[in-house]
Amino acid sequence: MEEIKNFTFSVYTENNVGILNRLSAIFLKRHINIESMTVSKSEIEHVHRFTFVVNISEVQARKVVGQLEKQIEVIGAFYHTEDEIIYHETALFKISTEYLYDENIQEKLKFRRAHIISITERYFVIEASGLKEDIDNMYEKLKPYKLLQFVRSGRIAITRPKMAISELLAEIN
């Protein structure tokens, strides 16, 4: 049986209404849960990049890329293993101000990419960024402080090796 692991998909598309529904339906039809998703402009003008993180086999990953590329608006679709990408997530933690000067909280902020971004009379907000595990660890450390709110972004990722999207676009033009 094929090993199940995290794959990060980079999907370059035209920016058309409904494209998100069509792309996510490809995962839905195969009963693949999307762990994380982000959308942004890409390095190419008028082209958007969708980043999906899913936990599947490599055989499934190849099939999904094939299905993604069948969409008219998709310029290119790629999948990457964890060691082929550099990635980050960001999280916000809202905590009651009563804990602001707690020595333990200050110790937790020594996490390599965490800092306070807002303080009010009732609460303060910590922003942290890093790998999924870094955010998970920070969450566990702050959970005893009665988190008022918590939110994390989807993965943003770039590949270590050069991607073929630029060459693909040159062929199209």
Protein backbone atom coordinates (compact mmCIF):
# COMPACT_ATOMS: atom_id res chain seq x y z
CA MET A 1 0.00 0.00 0.00
CA GLU A 2 1.26 3.47 -0.94
CA GLU A 3 2.42 5.79 1.84
CA ILE A 4 0.03 8.60 2.79
CA LYS A 5 1.79 11.93 3.39
CA ASN A 6 1.36 15.69 3.10
CA PHE A 7 1.53 17.16 -0.38
CA THR A 8 1.42 20.84 -1.21
CA PHE A 9 -0.22 21.70 -4.53
CA SER A 10 0.61 24.89 -6.43
CA VAL A 11 -2.08 25.68 -8.98
CA TYR A 12 -1.64 28.67 -11.31
CA THR A 13 -4.88 29.97 -12.79
CA GLU A 14 -6.57 32.81 -14.56
CA ASN A 15 -8.58 34.82 -12.05
CA ASN A 16 -12.13 33.83 -13.04
CA VAL A 17 -15.30 33.70 -10.98
CA GLY A 18 -16.06 30.18 -9.75
CA ILE A 19 -12.56 28.77 -10.17
CA LEU A 20 -12.21 28.05 -6.44
CA ASN A 21 -15.40 25.94 -6.52
CA ARG A 22 -14.21 23.96 -9.52
CA LEU A 23 -10.77 23.32 -8.02
CA SER A 24 -12.05 22.32 -4.58
CA ALA A 25 -14.66 20.04 -6.23
CA ILE A 26 -11.80 17.98 -7.68
CA PHE A 27 -10.66 17.17 -4.14
CA LEU A 28 -14.24 16.67 -2.93
CA LYS A 29 -15.07 14.13 -5.66
CA ARG A 30 -12.11 12.04 -4.53
CA HIS A 31 -13.02 12.35 -0.82
CA ILE A 32 -9.76 14.22 -0.13
CA ASN A 33 -9.88 16.59 2.81
CA ILE A 34 -8.14 19.93 2.21
CA GLU A 35 -6.02 20.63 5.29
CA SER A 36 -5.08 24.16 4.21
CA MET A 37 -5.73 26.49 1.30
CA THR A 38 -4.52 29.94 0.32
CA VAL A 39 -4.98 32.09 -2.77
CA SER A 40 -2.92 35.06 -3.87
CA LYS A 41 -1.44 36.86 -6.80
CA SER A 42 1.53 35.02 -8.21
CA GLU A 43 4.87 36.14 -9.53
CA ILE A 44 3.22 36.34 -12.97
CA GLU A 45 0.97 39.30 -13.78
CA HIS A 46 -2.77 38.44 -14.04
CA VAL A 47 -2.13 34.90 -12.75
CA HIS A 48 -3.27 33.70 -9.34
CA ARG A 49 -1.76 30.90 -7.28
CA PHE A 50 -3.78 28.49 -5.19
CA THR A 51 -1.88 26.53 -2.56
CA PHE A 52 -3.61 23.41 -1.25
CA VAL A 53 -2.27 21.05 1.43
CA VAL A 54 -3.68 17.54 1.51
CA ASN A 55 -2.74 14.20 3.04
CA ILE A 56 -2.80 11.55 0.28
CA SER A 57 -0.61 9.06 -1.59
CA GLU A 58 1.69 10.11 -4.44
CA VAL A 59 -0.44 8.13 -6.90
CA GLN A 60 -3.46 10.18 -5.84
CA ALA A 61 -1.38 13.39 -6.05
CA ARG A 62 -0.48 12.66 -9.69
CA LYS A 63 -4.13 11.97 -10.53
CA VAL A 64 -5.28 15.18 -8.83
CA VAL A 65 -2.74 17.24 -10.81
CA GLY A 66 -4.07 15.67 -14.00
CA GLN A 67 -7.63 16.61 -13.07
CA LEU A 68 -6.65 20.13 -12.02
CA GLU A 69 -4.90 20.72 -15.33
CA LYS A 70 -8.07 19.75 -17.24
CA GLN A 71 -9.74 22.94 -15.98
CA ILE A 72 -9.70 25.56 -18.73
CA GLU A 73 -8.50 28.37 -16.43
CA VAL A 74 -5.61 26.32 -14.99
CA ILE A 75 -2.29 27.29 -16.51
CA GLY A 76 -0.26 24.77 -14.52
CA ALA A 77 -0.62 22.49 -11.51
CA PHE A 78 2.20 20.97 -9.49
CA TYR A 79 2.51 18.89 -6.33
CA HIS A 80 5.41 19.02 -3.90
CA THR A 81 6.63 16.92 -0.99
CA GLU A 82 7.51 18.56 2.33
CA ASP A 83 11.25 18.52 1.56
CA GLU A 84 10.72 20.28 -1.80
CA ILE A 85 9.22 23.44 -0.28
CA ILE A 86 9.93 26.26 2.10
CA TYR A 87 6.73 27.21 3.90
CA HIS A 88 5.20 29.17 6.73
CA GLU A 89 1.91 29.62 8.49
CA THR A 90 0.83 32.55 10.64
CA ALA A 91 -1.41 32.49 13.70
CA LEU A 92 -3.06 35.05 15.96
CA PHE A 93 -3.74 34.35 19.64
CA LYS A 94 -6.07 36.67 21.61
CA ILE A 95 -5.56 36.48 25.38
CA SER A 96 -7.03 38.38 28.33
CA THR A 97 -4.87 41.31 29.46
CA GLU A 98 -4.77 39.84 32.99
CA TYR A 99 -2.00 37.54 31.67
CA LEU A 100 0.02 40.22 29.88
CA TYR A 101 2.71 40.54 32.55
CA ASP A 102 2.72 36.89 33.53
CA GLU A 103 6.35 35.71 33.47
CA ASN A 104 5.31 32.46 31.83
CA ILE A 105 3.68 34.32 28.92
CA GLN A 106 6.82 36.39 28.46
CA GLU A 107 8.82 33.17 28.36
CA LYS A 108 6.49 31.73 25.71
CA LEU A 109 7.08 34.83 23.56
CA LYS A 110 10.70 33.85 23.23
CA PHE A 111 9.44 31.51 20.52
CA ARG A 112 11.54 32.53 17.57
CA ARG A 113 8.76 34.23 15.58
CA ALA A 114 6.21 35.49 18.12
CA HIS A 115 5.43 39.00 19.21
CA ILE A 116 2.59 41.10 20.60
CA ILE A 117 0.88 43.10 17.85
CA SER A 118 -1.96 44.71 19.81
CA ILE A 119 -2.77 45.55 23.43
CA THR A 120 -6.08 46.90 24.76
CA GLU A 121 -7.55 47.16 28.25
CA ARG A 122 -9.28 43.78 27.86
CA TYR A 123 -6.94 41.69 25.72
CA PHE A 124 -3.68 41.45 23.83
CA VAL A 125 -2.89 39.69 20.56
CA ILE A 126 0.17 37.60 19.82
CA GLU A 127 1.21 36.90 16.24
CA ALA A 128 3.37 33.86 15.54
CA SER A 129 4.67 32.41 12.31
CA GLY A 130 6.55 29.27 11.47
CA LEU A 131 6.09 25.66 10.50
CA LYS A 132 2.85 23.87 11.31
CA GLU A 133 4.54 22.21 14.27
CA ASP A 134 5.73 25.61 15.58
CA ILE A 135 2.17 26.97 15.53
CA ASP A 136 0.82 23.78 17.12
CA ASN A 137 3.43 24.03 19.91
CA MET A 138 2.64 27.69 20.53
CA TYR A 139 -1.07 26.85 20.69
CA GLU A 140 -0.42 24.16 23.31
CA LYS A 141 1.74 26.55 25.36
CA LEU A 142 -0.90 29.32 25.29
CA LYS A 143 -3.98 27.13 25.75
CA PRO A 144 -3.78 27.25 29.58
CA TYR A 145 -4.22 31.04 29.38
CA LYS A 146 -7.84 30.69 28.27
CA LEU A 147 -7.48 31.75 24.65
CA LEU A 148 -10.24 34.20 23.77
CA GLN A 149 -9.69 33.62 20.06
CA PHE A 150 -7.31 31.69 17.84
CA VAL A 151 -6.92 31.66 14.08
CA ARG A 152 -4.23 30.38 11.74
CA SER A 153 -3.57 31.03 8.10
CA GLY A 154 -3.25 28.47 5.40
CA ARG A 155 0.19 27.44 4.25
CA ILE A 156 2.16 29.74 2.01
CA ALA A 157 4.97 27.96 0.21
CA ILE A 158 7.64 28.34 -2.40
CA THR A 159 9.56 25.50 -3.95
CA ARG A 160 13.22 24.78 -3.43
CA PRO A 161 13.74 23.60 -7.03
CA LYS A 162 12.85 25.86 -9.95
CA MET A 163 9.26 25.42 -11.08
CA ALA A 164 8.40 25.08 -14.73
CA ILE A 165 5.59 27.66 -14.68
CA SER A 166 7.63 30.39 -16.41
CA GLU A 167 8.56 28.06 -19.27
CA LEU A 168 4.95 26.91 -19.51
CA LEU A 169 3.75 30.49 -19.83
CA ALA A 170 6.39 31.25 -22.47
CA GLU A 171 5.04 28.35 -24.54
CA ILE A 172 1.47 29.65 -24.25
CA ASN A 173 2.34 33.22 -25.31
